[in-house]
Amino acid sequence: MKVNKNFICKHVLDNDILIDIKNNSKVVYKLNETSKYIFDLIVDGETLEEIINDVKVRYNIDLVTASRDVTEFIDKLEQLKVVKQ
């Protein structure tokens, strides 16, 4: 999975945000701690399975919950064209 080069992640005023630089920063998405962690794993090139396992361990949750949460977030990123498979 790859991050669309039109998006960058910045830390601004204690918030992590994704900015669509192609649209003159008119499109901005705020990330919470978990979504920022997942986004960073995507940027680092981890596979979906690796991301799910990392989230499971980091947040001490079961595999089903980690899989559901990670998949939902990545699906949302794909819908927004932030990432692609």
C-alpha atoms as a PDB file:
ATOM      1  CA  MET A   1       0.000   0.000   0.000  1.00  0.00           C
ATOM      2  CA  LYS A   2       1.286   3.440  -0.908  1.00  0.00           C
ATOM      3  CA  VAL A   3       0.521   6.961   0.276  1.00  0.00           C
ATOM      4  CA  ASN A   4      -0.656   9.360  -2.412  1.00  0.00           C
ATOM      5  CA  LYS A   5       2.148  11.887  -2.967  1.00  0.00           C
ATOM      6  CA  ASN A   6      -0.420  14.700  -2.920  1.00  0.00           C
ATOM      7  CA  PHE A   7      -0.914  14.190   0.837  1.00  0.00           C
ATOM      8  CA  ILE A   8       1.458  15.123   3.635  1.00  0.00           C
ATOM      9  CA  CYS A   9       1.105  14.692   7.373  1.00  0.00           C
ATOM     10  CA  LYS A  10       2.017  17.616   9.621  1.00  0.00           C
ATOM     11  CA  HIS A  11       1.893  18.303  13.342  1.00  0.00           C
ATOM     12  CA  VAL A  12       0.193  21.681  13.863  1.00  0.00           C
ATOM     13  CA  LEU A  13      -0.867  23.148  17.209  1.00  0.00           C
ATOM     14  CA  ASP A  14      -0.839  19.766  18.997  1.00  0.00           C
ATOM     15  CA  ASN A  15      -2.792  18.118  16.156  1.00  0.00           C
ATOM     16  CA  ASP A  16      -1.675  15.704  13.460  1.00  0.00           C
ATOM     17  CA  ILE A  17      -3.313  16.521  10.160  1.00  0.00           C
ATOM     18  CA  LEU A  18      -3.261  15.179   6.617  1.00  0.00           C
ATOM     19  CA  ILE A  19      -3.138  17.907   4.021  1.00  0.00           C
ATOM     20  CA  ASP A  20      -3.956  17.545   0.333  1.00  0.00           C
ATOM     21  CA  ILE A  21      -1.226  19.759  -1.098  1.00  0.00           C
ATOM     22  CA  LYS A  22      -2.544  19.400  -4.644  1.00  0.00           C
ATOM     23  CA  ASN A  23      -5.708  21.286  -3.674  1.00  0.00           C
ATOM     24  CA  ASN A  24      -3.835  24.189  -2.081  1.00  0.00           C
ATOM     25  CA  SER A  25      -4.360  22.792   1.441  1.00  0.00           C
ATOM     26  CA  LYS A  26      -8.128  23.209   1.199  1.00  0.00           C
ATOM     27  CA  VAL A  27      -8.605  19.568   2.146  1.00  0.00           C
ATOM     28  CA  VAL A  28      -7.429  18.731   5.679  1.00  0.00           C
ATOM     29  CA  TYR A  29      -8.074  15.646   7.815  1.00  0.00           C
ATOM     30  CA  LYS A  30      -7.350  15.551  11.547  1.00  0.00           C
ATOM     31  CA  LEU A  31      -5.813  12.318  12.835  1.00  0.00           C
ATOM     32  CA  ASN A  32      -6.178  10.970  16.348  1.00  0.00           C
ATOM     33  CA  GLU A  33      -3.323   9.125  18.052  1.00  0.00           C
ATOM     34  CA  THR A  34      -4.291   5.710  16.684  1.00  0.00           C
ATOM     35  CA  SER A  35      -4.915   6.875  13.136  1.00  0.00           C
ATOM     36  CA  LYS A  36      -1.575   8.737  13.143  1.00  0.00           C
ATOM     37  CA  TYR A  37       0.156   5.563  14.360  1.00  0.00           C
ATOM     38  CA  ILE A  38      -1.454   3.512  11.571  1.00  0.00           C
ATOM     39  CA  PHE A  39      -0.648   6.172   8.976  1.00  0.00           C
ATOM     40  CA  ASP A  40       3.011   6.143  10.046  1.00  0.00           C
ATOM     41  CA  LEU A  41       3.107   2.349   9.682  1.00  0.00           C
ATOM     42  CA  ILE A  42       1.729   2.693   6.148  1.00  0.00           C
ATOM     43  CA  VAL A  43       4.393   5.292   5.344  1.00  0.00           C
ATOM     44  CA  ASP A  44       7.026   2.896   6.737  1.00  0.00           C
ATOM     45  CA  GLY A  45       5.859   0.291   4.212  1.00  0.00           C
ATOM     46  CA  GLU A  46       4.324  -2.242   6.582  1.00  0.00           C
ATOM     47  CA  THR A  47       1.850  -4.755   5.194  1.00  0.00           C
ATOM     48  CA  LEU A  48      -1.767  -4.860   6.327  1.00  0.00           C
ATOM     49  CA  GLU A  49      -1.032  -7.934   8.452  1.00  0.00           C
ATOM     50  CA  GLU A  50       1.941  -6.235  10.103  1.00  0.00           C
ATOM     51  CA  ILE A  51      -0.102  -3.115  10.837  1.00  0.00           C
ATOM     52  CA  ILE A  52      -2.914  -5.152  12.382  1.00  0.00           C
ATOM     53  CA  ASN A  53      -0.459  -7.040  14.579  1.00  0.00           C
ATOM     54  CA  ASP A  54       1.334  -3.835  15.636  1.00  0.00           C
ATOM     55  CA  VAL A  55      -1.987  -2.208  16.599  1.00  0.00           C
ATOM     56  CA  LYS A  56      -3.051  -5.354  18.479  1.00  0.00           C
ATOM     57  CA  VAL A  57       0.149  -5.340  20.531  1.00  0.00           C
ATOM     58  CA  ARG A  58       0.399  -1.575  21.079  1.00  0.00           C
ATOM     59  CA  TYR A  59      -3.190  -1.164  22.271  1.00  0.00           C
ATOM     60  CA  ASN A  60      -3.506  -4.598  23.917  1.00  0.00           C
ATOM     61  CA  ILE A  61      -6.643  -5.531  21.973  1.00  0.00           C
ATOM     62  CA  ASP A  62      -7.782  -8.784  20.393  1.00  0.00           C
ATOM     63  CA  LEU A  63      -6.998  -9.646  16.782  1.00  0.00           C
ATOM     64  CA  VAL A  64     -10.610  -9.290  15.596  1.00  0.00           C
ATOM     65  CA  THR A  65     -10.902  -5.756  16.977  1.00  0.00           C
ATOM     66  CA  ALA A  66      -7.500  -4.712  15.641  1.00  0.00           C
ATOM     67  CA  SER A  67      -8.306  -6.135  12.216  1.00  0.00           C
ATOM     68  CA  ARG A  68     -11.697  -4.403  12.068  1.00  0.00           C
ATOM     69  CA  ASP A  69     -10.373  -1.028  13.230  1.00  0.00           C
ATOM     70  CA  VAL A  70      -7.317  -1.017  10.970  1.00  0.00           C
ATOM     71  CA  THR A  71      -9.304  -2.186   7.944  1.00  0.00           C
ATOM     72  CA  GLU A  72     -12.005   0.451   8.492  1.00  0.00           C
ATOM     73  CA  PHE A  73      -9.403   3.208   8.751  1.00  0.00           C
ATOM     74  CA  ILE A  74      -7.481   2.056   5.675  1.00  0.00           C
ATOM     75  CA  ASP A  75     -10.740   1.735   3.724  1.00  0.00           C
ATOM     76  CA  LYS A  76     -11.513   5.345   4.637  1.00  0.00           C
ATOM     77  CA  LEU A  77      -8.036   6.437   3.491  1.00  0.00           C
ATOM     78  CA  GLU A  78      -8.596   4.611   0.201  1.00  0.00           C
ATOM     79  CA  GLN A  79     -11.990   6.292  -0.284  1.00  0.00           C
ATOM     80  CA  LEU A  80     -10.336   9.667   0.279  1.00  0.00           C
ATOM     81  CA  LYS A  81      -7.563   8.654  -2.138  1.00  0.00           C
ATOM     82  CA  VAL A  82      -4.909   9.144   0.550  1.00  0.00           C
ATOM     83  CA  VAL A  83      -3.586   5.606   0.037  1.00  0.00           C
ATOM     84  CA  LYS A  84      -3.869   2.942  -2.637  1.00  0.00           C
ATOM     85  CA  GLN A  85      -3.161  -0.773  -2.668  1.00  0.00           C
END
